[in-house]
């Protein structure tokens, strides 16, 4: 994953990474949430790393799962 770090990519490369990731997400017929799209923009802008997005998304769905018990 080090090839995807902000320090190892340009803004244009990060845009392409996100474009591909969102394309894969859409294959499952689900549009990413506004929260996920916002985090993707933060990655493109160089504000947060992909592993932080992953942590936030997993935490979000863990909380939702716990609330549904």
PDB file of N, CA and C in Angstrom:
ATOM      1  N   UNK A   1       0.824  -1.193   0.000  1.00  0.00           N
ATOM      2  CA  UNK A   1       0.000   0.000   0.000  1.00  0.00           C
ATOM      3  C   UNK A   1       0.866   1.254   0.000  1.00  0.00           C
ATOM      4  N   UNK A   2       2.168   1.100   0.182  1.00  0.00           N
ATOM      5  CA  UNK A   2       3.037   2.268   0.235  1.00  0.00           C
ATOM      6  C   UNK A   2       3.028   3.047  -1.075  1.00  0.00           C
ATOM      7  N   UNK A   3       2.713   2.387  -2.199  1.00  0.00           N
ATOM      8  CA  UNK A   3       2.633   3.078  -3.479  1.00  0.00           C
ATOM      9  C   UNK A   3       1.458   4.043  -3.524  1.00  0.00           C
ATOM     10  N   UNK A   4       0.528   3.901  -2.585  1.00  0.00           N
ATOM     11  CA  UNK A   4      -0.674   4.732  -2.562  1.00  0.00           C
ATOM     12  C   UNK A   4      -0.599   5.855  -1.534  1.00  0.00           C
ATOM     13  N   UNK A   5       0.506   5.925  -0.813  1.00  0.00           N
ATOM     14  CA  UNK A   5       0.663   6.971   0.195  1.00  0.00           C
ATOM     15  C   UNK A   5       0.695   8.347  -0.463  1.00  0.00           C
ATOM     16  N   UNK A   6       0.216   9.326   0.251  1.00  0.00           N
ATOM     17  CA  UNK A   6       0.216  10.694  -0.257  1.00  0.00           C
ATOM     18  C   UNK A   6       1.621  11.110  -0.664  1.00  0.00           C
ATOM     19  N   UNK A   7       2.596  10.749   0.147  1.00  0.00           N
ATOM     20  CA  UNK A   7       3.974  11.139  -0.140  1.00  0.00           C
ATOM     21  C   UNK A   7       4.544  10.457  -1.383  1.00  0.00           C
ATOM     22  N   UNK A   8       3.893   9.400  -1.839  1.00  0.00           N
ATOM     23  CA  UNK A   8       4.379   8.634  -2.991  1.00  0.00           C
ATOM     24  C   UNK A   8       3.553   8.875  -4.261  1.00  0.00           C
ATOM     25  N   UNK A   9       2.556   9.753  -4.180  1.00  0.00           N
ATOM     26  CA  UNK A   9       1.664   9.974  -5.318  1.00  0.00           C
ATOM     27  C   UNK A   9       1.461  11.472  -5.564  1.00  0.00           C
ATOM     28  N   UNK A  10       1.088  11.781  -6.789  1.00  0.00           N
ATOM     29  CA  UNK A  10       0.695  13.151  -7.120  1.00  0.00           C
ATOM     30  C   UNK A  10      -0.816  13.263  -6.954  1.00  0.00           C
ATOM     31  N   UNK A  11      -1.307  14.468  -6.968  1.00  0.00           N
ATOM     32  CA  UNK A  11      -2.747  14.683  -6.874  1.00  0.00           C
ATOM     33  C   UNK A  11      -3.463  13.981  -8.033  1.00  0.00           C
ATOM     34  N   UNK A  12      -2.902  14.056  -9.218  1.00  0.00           N
ATOM     35  CA  UNK A  12      -3.510  13.405 -10.383  1.00  0.00           C
ATOM     36  C   UNK A  12      -3.549  11.889 -10.212  1.00  0.00           C
ATOM     37  N   UNK A  13      -2.490  11.318  -9.678  1.00  0.00           N
ATOM     38  CA  UNK A  13      -2.472   9.869  -9.426  1.00  0.00           C
ATOM     39  C   UNK A  13      -3.518   9.487  -8.393  1.00  0.00           C
ATOM     40  N   UNK A  14      -3.666  10.313  -7.355  1.00  0.00           N
ATOM     41  CA  UNK A  14      -4.689  10.025  -6.330  1.00  0.00           C
ATOM     42  C   UNK A  14      -6.092  10.104  -6.915  1.00  0.00           C
ATOM     43  N   UNK A  15      -6.318  11.040  -7.837  1.00  0.00           N
ATOM     44  CA  UNK A  15      -7.622  11.123  -8.513  1.00  0.00           C
ATOM     45  C   UNK A  15      -7.914   9.820  -9.256  1.00  0.00           C
ATOM     46  N   UNK A  16      -6.919   9.298  -9.954  1.00  0.00           N
ATOM     47  CA  UNK A  16      -7.092   8.050 -10.706  1.00  0.00           C
ATOM     48  C   UNK A  16      -7.334   6.870  -9.766  1.00  0.00           C
ATOM     49  N   UNK A  17      -6.634   6.835  -8.653  1.00  0.00           N
ATOM     50  CA  UNK A  17      -6.820   5.769  -7.658  1.00  0.00           C
ATOM     51  C   UNK A  17      -8.257   5.778  -7.159  1.00  0.00           C
ATOM     52  N   UNK A  18      -8.753   6.960  -6.822  1.00  0.00           N
ATOM     53  CA  UNK A  18     -10.118   7.082  -6.317  1.00  0.00           C
ATOM     54  C   UNK A  18     -11.127   6.745  -7.411  1.00  0.00           C
ATOM     55  N   UNK A  19     -10.874   7.182  -8.615  1.00  0.00           N
ATOM     56  CA  UNK A  19     -11.771   6.883  -9.735  1.00  0.00           C
ATOM     57  C   UNK A  19     -11.925   5.376  -9.913  1.00  0.00           C
ATOM     58  N   UNK A  20     -10.820   4.665  -9.865  1.00  0.00           N
ATOM     59  CA  UNK A  20     -10.862   3.204 -10.002  1.00  0.00           C
ATOM     60  C   UNK A  20     -11.596   2.560  -8.823  1.00  0.00           C
ATOM     61  N   UNK A  21     -11.320   3.038  -7.619  1.00  0.00           N
ATOM     62  CA  UNK A  21     -11.966   2.479  -6.429  1.00  0.00           C
ATOM     63  C   UNK A  21     -13.474   2.710  -6.469  1.00  0.00           C
ATOM     64  N   UNK A  22     -13.897   3.904  -6.866  1.00  0.00           N
ATOM     65  CA  UNK A  22     -15.330   4.188  -6.940  1.00  0.00           C
ATOM     66  C   UNK A  22     -15.979   3.369  -8.052  1.00  0.00           C
ATOM     67  N   UNK A  23     -15.257   3.152  -9.138  1.00  0.00           N
ATOM     68  CA  UNK A  23     -15.774   2.307 -10.213  1.00  0.00           C
ATOM     69  C   UNK A  23     -16.031   0.893  -9.738  1.00  0.00           C
ATOM     70  N   UNK A  24     -15.111   0.361  -8.973  1.00  0.00           N
ATOM     71  CA  UNK A  24     -15.298  -0.982  -8.408  1.00  0.00           C
ATOM     72  C   UNK A  24     -16.486  -1.009  -7.458  1.00  0.00           C
ATOM     73  N   UNK A  25     -16.635   0.030  -6.676  1.00  0.00           N
ATOM     74  CA  UNK A  25     -17.751   0.121  -5.740  1.00  0.00           C
ATOM     75  C   UNK A  25     -19.081   0.106  -6.487  1.00  0.00           C
ATOM     76  N   UNK A  26     -19.129   0.808  -7.603  1.00  0.00           N
ATOM     77  CA  UNK A  26     -20.368   0.880  -8.380  1.00  0.00           C
ATOM     78  C   UNK A  26     -20.733  -0.444  -9.042  1.00  0.00           C
ATOM     79  N   UNK A  27     -19.767  -1.342  -9.211  1.00  0.00           N
ATOM     80  CA  UNK A  27     -20.071  -2.663  -9.763  1.00  0.00           C
ATOM     81  C   UNK A  27     -21.053  -3.414  -8.871  1.00  0.00           C
ATOM     82  N   UNK A  28     -21.031  -3.101  -7.591  1.00  0.00           N
ATOM     83  CA  UNK A  28     -21.964  -3.711  -6.654  1.00  0.00           C
ATOM     84  C   UNK A  28     -23.298  -2.987  -6.607  1.00  0.00           C
ATOM     85  N   UNK A  29     -23.519  -2.069  -7.551  1.00  0.00           N
ATOM     86  CA  UNK A  29     -24.767  -1.302  -7.653  1.00  0.00           C
ATOM     87  C   UNK A  29     -25.043  -0.404  -6.454  1.00  0.00           C
ATOM     88  N   UNK A  30     -23.997  -0.017  -5.753  1.00  0.00           N
ATOM     89  CA  UNK A  30     -24.201   0.873  -4.616  1.00  0.00           C
ATOM     90  C   UNK A  30     -23.361   2.131  -4.793  1.00  0.00           C
ATOM     91  N   UNK A  31     -24.025   3.265  -4.711  1.00  0.00           N
ATOM     92  CA  UNK A  31     -23.317   4.534  -4.765  1.00  0.00           C
ATOM     93  C   UNK A  31     -22.683   4.762  -3.393  1.00  0.00           C
ATOM     94  N   UNK A  32     -21.411   5.134  -3.365  1.00  0.00           N
ATOM     95  CA  UNK A  32     -20.773   5.409  -2.074  1.00  0.00           C
ATOM     96  C   UNK A  32     -21.509   6.545  -1.349  1.00  0.00           C
ATOM     97  N   UNK A  33     -21.508   6.478  -0.031  1.00  0.00           N
ATOM     98  CA  UNK A  33     -22.185   7.501   0.767  1.00  0.00           C
ATOM     99  C   UNK A  33     -21.473   8.840   0.624  1.00  0.00           C
ATOM    100  N   UNK A  34     -22.163   9.894   1.008  1.00  0.00           N
ATOM    101  CA  UNK A  34     -21.565  11.228   0.981  1.00  0.00           C
ATOM    102  C   UNK A  34     -20.330  11.291   1.867  1.00  0.00           C
ATOM    103  N   UNK A  35     -20.363  10.563   2.996  1.00  0.00           N
ATOM    104  CA  UNK A  35     -19.203  10.521   3.894  1.00  0.00           C
ATOM    105  C   UNK A  35     -17.983   9.941   3.189  1.00  0.00           C
ATOM    106  N   UNK A  36     -18.185   8.846   2.481  1.00  0.00           N
ATOM    107  CA  UNK A  36     -17.081   8.191   1.777  1.00  0.00           C
ATOM    108  C   UNK A  36     -16.564   9.088   0.656  1.00  0.00           C
ATOM    109  N   UNK A  37     -17.461   9.724  -0.069  1.00  0.00           N
ATOM    110  CA  UNK A  37     -17.041  10.633  -1.139  1.00  0.00           C
ATOM    111  C   UNK A  37     -16.249  11.811  -0.575  1.00  0.00           C
ATOM    112  N   UNK A  38     -16.673  12.293   0.569  1.00  0.00           N
ATOM    113  CA  UNK A  38     -15.957  13.394   1.227  1.00  0.00           C
ATOM    114  C   UNK A  38     -14.548  12.959   1.636  1.00  0.00           C
ATOM    115  N   UNK A  39     -14.438  11.760   2.184  1.00  0.00           N
ATOM    116  CA  UNK A  39     -13.123  11.246   2.579  1.00  0.00           C
ATOM    117  C   UNK A  39     -12.239  11.035   1.351  1.00  0.00           C
ATOM    118  N   UNK A  40     -12.837  10.587   0.259  1.00  0.00           N
ATOM    119  CA  UNK A  40     -12.077  10.397  -0.978  1.00  0.00           C
ATOM    120  C   UNK A  40     -11.492  11.731  -1.447  1.00  0.00           C
ATOM    121  N   UNK A  41     -12.276  12.784  -1.343  1.00  0.00           N
ATOM    122  CA  UNK A  41     -11.785  14.119  -1.712  1.00  0.00           C
ATOM    123  C   UNK A  41     -10.637  14.545  -0.806  1.00  0.00           C
ATOM    124  N   UNK A  42     -10.745  14.209   0.477  1.00  0.00           N
ATOM    125  CA  UNK A  42      -9.665  14.538   1.406  1.00  0.00           C
ATOM    126  C   UNK A  42      -8.376  13.818   1.016  1.00  0.00           C
ATOM    127  N   UNK A  43      -8.483  12.571   0.584  1.00  0.00           N
ATOM    128  CA  UNK A  43      -7.311  11.826   0.131  1.00  0.00           C
ATOM    129  C   UNK A  43      -6.709  12.487  -1.105  1.00  0.00           C
ATOM    130  N   UNK A  44      -7.551  12.817  -2.065  1.00  0.00           N
ATOM    131  CA  UNK A  44      -7.072  13.466  -3.286  1.00  0.00           C
ATOM    132  C   UNK A  44      -6.328  14.759  -2.955  1.00  0.00           C
ATOM    133  N   UNK A  45      -6.862  15.501  -1.993  1.00  0.00           N
ATOM    134  CA  UNK A  45      -6.245  16.771  -1.596  1.00  0.00           C
ATOM    135  C   UNK A  45      -4.997  16.581  -0.737  1.00  0.00           C
ATOM    136  N   UNK A  46      -4.727  15.347  -0.349  1.00  0.00           N
ATOM    137  CA  UNK A  46      -3.526  15.069   0.444  1.00  0.00           C
ATOM    138  C   UNK A  46      -3.695  15.307   1.932  1.00  0.00           C
ATOM    139  N   UNK A  47      -4.938  15.260   2.393  1.00  0.00           N
ATOM    140  CA  UNK A  47      -5.216  15.538   3.812  1.00  0.00           C
ATOM    141  C   UNK A  47      -5.251  14.283   4.680  1.00  0.00           C
ATOM    142  N   UNK A  48      -5.705  13.166   4.119  1.00  0.00           N
ATOM    143  CA  UNK A  48      -5.743  11.908   4.878  1.00  0.00           C
ATOM    144  C   UNK A  48      -5.289  10.764   3.980  1.00  0.00           C
ATOM    145  N   UNK A  49      -4.745   9.737   4.597  1.00  0.00           N
ATOM    146  CA  UNK A  49      -4.279   8.550   3.882  1.00  0.00           C
ATOM    147  C   UNK A  49      -5.431   7.556   3.701  1.00  0.00           C
ATOM    148  N   UNK A  50      -5.257   6.628   2.775  1.00  0.00           N
ATOM    149  CA  UNK A  50      -6.278   5.614   2.531  1.00  0.00           C
ATOM    150  C   UNK A  50      -6.538   4.742   3.753  1.00  0.00           C
ATOM    151  N   UNK A  51      -5.493   4.456   4.528  1.00  0.00           N
ATOM    152  CA  UNK A  51      -5.722   3.620   5.714  1.00  0.00           C
ATOM    153  C   UNK A  51      -6.614   4.332   6.720  1.00  0.00           C
ATOM    154  N   UNK A  52      -6.570   5.657   6.768  1.00  0.00           N
ATOM    155  CA  UNK A  52      -7.461   6.414   7.658  1.00  0.00           C
ATOM    156  C   UNK A  52      -8.903   6.328   7.156  1.00  0.00           C
ATOM    157  N   UNK A  53      -9.082   6.380   5.852  1.00  0.00           N
ATOM    158  CA  UNK A  53     -10.430   6.216   5.287  1.00  0.00           C
ATOM    159  C   UNK A  53     -10.968   4.844   5.660  1.00  0.00           C
ATOM    160  N   UNK A  54     -10.134   3.829   5.499  1.00  0.00           N
ATOM    161  CA  UNK A  54     -10.549   2.469   5.837  1.00  0.00           C
ATOM    162  C   UNK A  54     -10.959   2.377   7.297  1.00  0.00           C
ATOM    163  N   UNK A  55     -10.164   2.929   8.192  1.00  0.00           N
ATOM    164  CA  UNK A  55     -10.486   2.898   9.625  1.00  0.00           C
ATOM    165  C   UNK A  55     -11.816   3.584   9.907  1.00  0.00           C
ATOM    166  N   UNK A  56     -12.018   4.759   9.294  1.00  0.00           N
ATOM    167  CA  UNK A  56     -13.256   5.515   9.523  1.00  0.00           C
ATOM    168  C   UNK A  56     -14.481   4.762   9.017  1.00  0.00           C
ATOM    169  N   UNK A  57     -14.358   4.171   7.826  1.00  0.00           N
ATOM    170  CA  UNK A  57     -15.496   3.440   7.249  1.00  0.00           C
ATOM    171  C   UNK A  57     -15.812   2.207   8.089  1.00  0.00           C
ATOM    172  N   UNK A  58     -14.789   1.462   8.461  1.00  0.00           N
ATOM    173  CA  UNK A  58     -15.024   0.279   9.298  1.00  0.00           C
ATOM    174  C   UNK A  58     -15.646   0.663  10.632  1.00  0.00           C
ATOM    175  N   UNK A  59     -15.183   1.741  11.221  1.00  0.00           N
ATOM    176  CA  UNK A  59     -15.746   2.201  12.493  1.00  0.00           C
ATOM    177  C   UNK A  59     -17.208   2.606  12.322  1.00  0.00           C
ATOM    178  N   UNK A  60     -17.508   3.295  11.242  1.00  0.00           N
ATOM    179  CA  UNK A  60     -18.880   3.738  10.963  1.00  0.00           C
ATOM    180  C   UNK A  60     -19.834   2.540  10.881  1.00  0.00           C
ATOM    181  N   UNK A  61     -19.428   1.518  10.136  1.00  0.00           N
ATOM    182  CA  UNK A  61     -20.306   0.365   9.970  1.00  0.00           C
ATOM    183  C   UNK A  61     -20.329  -0.531  11.203  1.00  0.00           C
ATOM    184  N   UNK A  62     -19.271  -0.503  11.982  1.00  0.00           N
ATOM    185  CA  UNK A  62     -19.260  -1.247  13.250  1.00  0.00           C
ATOM    186  C   UNK A  62     -20.280  -0.605  14.199  1.00  0.00           C
ATOM    187  N   UNK A  63     -20.316   0.705  14.244  1.00  0.00           N
ATOM    188  CA  UNK A  63     -21.274   1.419  15.105  1.00  0.00           C
ATOM    189  C   UNK A  63     -22.700   1.113  14.648  1.00  0.00           C
ATOM    190  N   UNK A  64     -22.953   1.161  13.334  1.00  0.00           N
ATOM    191  CA  UNK A  64     -24.285   0.856  12.816  1.00  0.00           C
ATOM    192  C   UNK A  64     -24.697  -0.558  13.175  1.00  0.00           C
ATOM    193  N   UNK A  65     -23.755  -1.508  13.039  1.00  0.00           N
ATOM    194  CA  UNK A  65     -24.042  -2.911  13.347  1.00  0.00           C
ATOM    195  C   UNK A  65     -24.381  -3.048  14.832  1.00  0.00           C
ATOM    196  N   UNK A  66     -23.614  -2.398  15.700  1.00  0.00           N
ATOM    197  CA  UNK A  66     -23.855  -2.464  17.133  1.00  0.00           C
ATOM    198  C   UNK A  66     -25.206  -1.853  17.510  1.00  0.00           C
ATOM    199  N   UNK A  67     -25.619  -0.800  16.797  1.00  0.00           N
ATOM    200  CA  UNK A  67     -26.897  -0.157  17.072  1.00  0.00           C
ATOM    201  C   UNK A  67     -28.068  -1.047  16.679  1.00  0.00           C
ATOM    202  N   UNK A  68     -27.875  -1.918  15.732  1.00  0.00           N
ATOM    203  CA  UNK A  68     -28.937  -2.788  15.246  1.00  0.00           C
ATOM    204  C   UNK A  68     -29.094  -4.063  16.071  1.00  0.00           C
ATOM    205  N   UNK A  69     -28.264  -4.249  17.061  1.00  0.00           N
ATOM    206  CA  UNK A  69     -28.365  -5.461  17.895  1.00  0.00           C
ATOM    207  C   UNK A  69     -29.504  -5.365  18.861  1.00  0.00           C
TER     208      UNK A  69
END
